[in-house]
Amino acid sequence: MSHEIAHPASSPKQAALQLVIELVRAGKLSPLLGDASNMISIYEQFTAHFEADKQKDSAIS
């Protein structure tokens, strides 16, 4: 892979997107089963988690 891996602390949305893509590549998520709402929900959950961690880290610093 020639693209940089996004760090969740600095780019939570990009990191969440990359994580969902890697789960699809690994066969753990399938875009062929049902509609996209499941993958969108997973992306939103990862984004919220990474953004909460980012806010928690910035509050500690």
N, C-alpha and C. Protein backbone atom coordinates (compact mmCIF):
# COMPACT_ATOMS: atom_id res chain seq x y z
N MET A 1 0.85 -1.17 0.00
CA MET A 1 0.00 0.00 0.00
C MET A 1 0.89 1.23 0.00
N SER A 2 0.66 2.13 -0.93
CA SER A 2 1.52 3.30 -1.06
C SER A 2 0.99 4.52 -0.32
N HIS A 3 -0.20 4.41 0.26
CA HIS A 3 -0.79 5.54 0.97
C HIS A 3 -0.36 5.51 2.42
N GLU A 4 -0.22 6.71 2.99
CA GLU A 4 0.09 6.80 4.40
C GLU A 4 -1.10 6.34 5.24
N ILE A 5 -0.81 5.75 6.35
CA ILE A 5 -1.86 5.34 7.27
C ILE A 5 -2.14 6.52 8.19
N ALA A 6 -3.40 6.91 8.26
CA ALA A 6 -3.80 8.04 9.09
C ALA A 6 -3.76 7.64 10.56
N HIS A 7 -3.28 8.56 11.39
CA HIS A 7 -3.26 8.32 12.82
C HIS A 7 -4.58 8.83 13.41
N PRO A 8 -5.26 8.02 14.20
CA PRO A 8 -6.56 8.41 14.74
C PRO A 8 -6.54 9.71 15.54
N ALA A 9 -5.43 10.01 16.20
CA ALA A 9 -5.36 11.22 17.01
C ALA A 9 -5.32 12.49 16.16
N SER A 10 -4.71 12.40 14.99
CA SER A 10 -4.60 13.60 14.15
C SER A 10 -5.63 13.65 13.04
N SER A 11 -6.11 12.51 12.58
CA SER A 11 -7.09 12.45 11.48
C SER A 11 -8.13 11.36 11.77
N PRO A 12 -9.03 11.62 12.71
CA PRO A 12 -9.98 10.56 13.10
C PRO A 12 -10.88 10.08 11.97
N LYS A 13 -11.35 10.98 11.11
CA LYS A 13 -12.25 10.57 10.02
C LYS A 13 -11.50 9.74 8.99
N GLN A 14 -10.30 10.15 8.64
CA GLN A 14 -9.51 9.41 7.67
C GLN A 14 -9.12 8.04 8.22
N ALA A 15 -8.76 7.98 9.49
CA ALA A 15 -8.40 6.71 10.12
C ALA A 15 -9.60 5.76 10.15
N ALA A 16 -10.77 6.30 10.45
CA ALA A 16 -11.98 5.46 10.47
C ALA A 16 -12.28 4.92 9.08
N LEU A 17 -12.15 5.76 8.07
CA LEU A 17 -12.39 5.32 6.70
C LEU A 17 -11.40 4.23 6.30
N GLN A 18 -10.13 4.43 6.61
CA GLN A 18 -9.13 3.41 6.29
C GLN A 18 -9.40 2.10 7.02
N LEU A 19 -9.87 2.19 8.24
CA LEU A 19 -10.18 0.98 9.01
C LEU A 19 -11.33 0.21 8.38
N VAL A 20 -12.37 0.90 7.96
CA VAL A 20 -13.50 0.24 7.29
C VAL A 20 -13.04 -0.40 5.98
N ILE A 21 -12.22 0.30 5.22
CA ILE A 21 -11.71 -0.24 3.96
C ILE A 21 -10.90 -1.51 4.22
N GLU A 22 -10.06 -1.49 5.24
CA GLU A 22 -9.25 -2.67 5.55
C GLU A 22 -10.11 -3.84 6.04
N LEU A 23 -11.19 -3.55 6.76
CA LEU A 23 -12.11 -4.61 7.17
C LEU A 23 -12.80 -5.24 5.96
N VAL A 24 -13.13 -4.44 4.97
CA VAL A 24 -13.72 -4.97 3.73
C VAL A 24 -12.69 -5.82 3.01
N ARG A 25 -11.47 -5.32 2.89
CA ARG A 25 -10.41 -6.08 2.21
C ARG A 25 -10.13 -7.41 2.89
N ALA A 26 -10.23 -7.42 4.23
CA ALA A 26 -9.96 -8.64 4.99
C ALA A 26 -11.15 -9.60 4.98
N GLY A 27 -12.26 -9.16 4.40
CA GLY A 27 -13.43 -10.02 4.33
C GLY A 27 -14.27 -10.01 5.60
N LYS A 28 -14.00 -9.07 6.50
CA LYS A 28 -14.75 -8.98 7.75
C LYS A 28 -16.03 -8.17 7.59
N LEU A 29 -16.09 -7.33 6.57
CA LEU A 29 -17.29 -6.57 6.20
C LEU A 29 -17.52 -6.80 4.73
N SER A 30 -18.76 -6.95 4.36
CA SER A 30 -19.06 -7.16 2.95
C SER A 30 -20.01 -6.08 2.44
N PRO A 31 -19.59 -5.35 1.42
CA PRO A 31 -20.50 -4.36 0.82
C PRO A 31 -21.62 -5.03 0.02
N LEU A 32 -21.53 -6.33 -0.18
CA LEU A 32 -22.53 -7.03 -0.98
C LEU A 32 -23.73 -7.51 -0.16
N LEU A 33 -23.58 -7.50 1.16
CA LEU A 33 -24.67 -7.97 2.03
C LEU A 33 -25.50 -6.78 2.49
N GLY A 34 -26.73 -6.70 2.04
CA GLY A 34 -27.62 -5.61 2.46
C GLY A 34 -27.23 -4.29 1.83
N ASP A 35 -27.67 -3.23 2.47
CA ASP A 35 -27.34 -1.91 1.96
C ASP A 35 -26.10 -1.38 2.68
N ALA A 36 -25.74 -0.16 2.40
CA ALA A 36 -24.53 0.43 2.94
C ALA A 36 -24.69 0.95 4.36
N SER A 37 -25.90 0.91 4.90
CA SER A 37 -26.13 1.50 6.21
C SER A 37 -25.28 0.85 7.30
N ASN A 38 -25.01 -0.44 7.21
CA ASN A 38 -24.17 -1.11 8.19
C ASN A 38 -22.74 -0.56 8.15
N MET A 39 -22.18 -0.43 6.96
CA MET A 39 -20.82 0.09 6.84
C MET A 39 -20.75 1.56 7.26
N ILE A 40 -21.77 2.33 6.94
CA ILE A 40 -21.80 3.73 7.34
C ILE A 40 -21.87 3.82 8.86
N SER A 41 -22.67 2.97 9.48
CA SER A 41 -22.78 2.96 10.94
C SER A 41 -21.44 2.61 11.58
N ILE A 42 -20.76 1.63 11.04
CA ILE A 42 -19.45 1.23 11.57
C ILE A 42 -18.46 2.38 11.43
N TYR A 43 -18.45 3.03 10.26
CA TYR A 43 -17.57 4.18 10.04
C TYR A 43 -17.87 5.27 11.07
N GLU A 44 -19.14 5.58 11.27
CA GLU A 44 -19.52 6.63 12.22
C GLU A 44 -19.12 6.27 13.65
N GLN A 45 -19.23 5.00 14.00
CA GLN A 45 -18.83 4.56 15.34
C GLN A 45 -17.32 4.70 15.54
N PHE A 46 -16.54 4.29 14.54
CA PHE A 46 -15.08 4.45 14.63
C PHE A 46 -14.70 5.93 14.70
N THR A 47 -15.35 6.75 13.87
CA THR A 47 -15.07 8.19 13.87
C THR A 47 -15.36 8.79 15.24
N ALA A 48 -16.51 8.48 15.80
CA ALA A 48 -16.88 9.00 17.12
C ALA A 48 -15.88 8.55 18.18
N HIS A 49 -15.47 7.30 18.11
CA HIS A 49 -14.50 6.77 19.07
C HIS A 49 -13.16 7.50 18.96
N PHE A 50 -12.65 7.65 17.73
CA PHE A 50 -11.37 8.31 17.52
C PHE A 50 -11.44 9.79 17.91
N GLU A 51 -12.56 10.46 17.61
CA GLU A 51 -12.70 11.87 17.97
C GLU A 51 -12.79 12.04 19.49
N ALA A 52 -13.46 11.12 20.18
CA ALA A 52 -13.53 11.17 21.64
C ALA A 52 -12.14 10.99 22.24
N ASP A 53 -11.37 10.05 21.69
CA ASP A 53 -10.00 9.85 22.16
C ASP A 53 -9.17 11.09 21.91
N LYS A 54 -9.35 11.73 20.76
CA LYS A 54 -8.60 12.94 20.42
C LYS A 54 -8.92 14.04 21.42
N GLN A 55 -10.20 14.22 21.75
CA GLN A 55 -10.60 15.24 22.71
C GLN A 55 -10.07 14.92 24.11
N LYS A 56 -10.11 13.64 24.48
CA LYS A 56 -9.61 13.24 25.78
C LYS A 56 -8.11 13.50 25.87
N ASP A 57 -7.37 13.16 24.81
CA ASP A 57 -5.92 13.39 24.78
C ASP A 57 -5.58 14.87 24.85
N SER A 58 -6.35 15.71 24.15
CA SER A 58 -6.07 17.15 24.16
C SER A 58 -6.43 17.77 25.52
N ALA A 59 -7.39 17.21 26.22
CA ALA A 59 -7.76 17.70 27.56
C ALA A 59 -6.67 17.36 28.58
N ILE A 60 -6.03 16.24 28.37
CA ILE A 60 -4.96 15.80 29.29
C ILE A 60 -3.71 16.64 29.08
N SER A 61 -3.42 17.00 27.84
CA SER A 61 -2.20 17.76 27.52
C SER A 61 -2.25 19.18 28.00
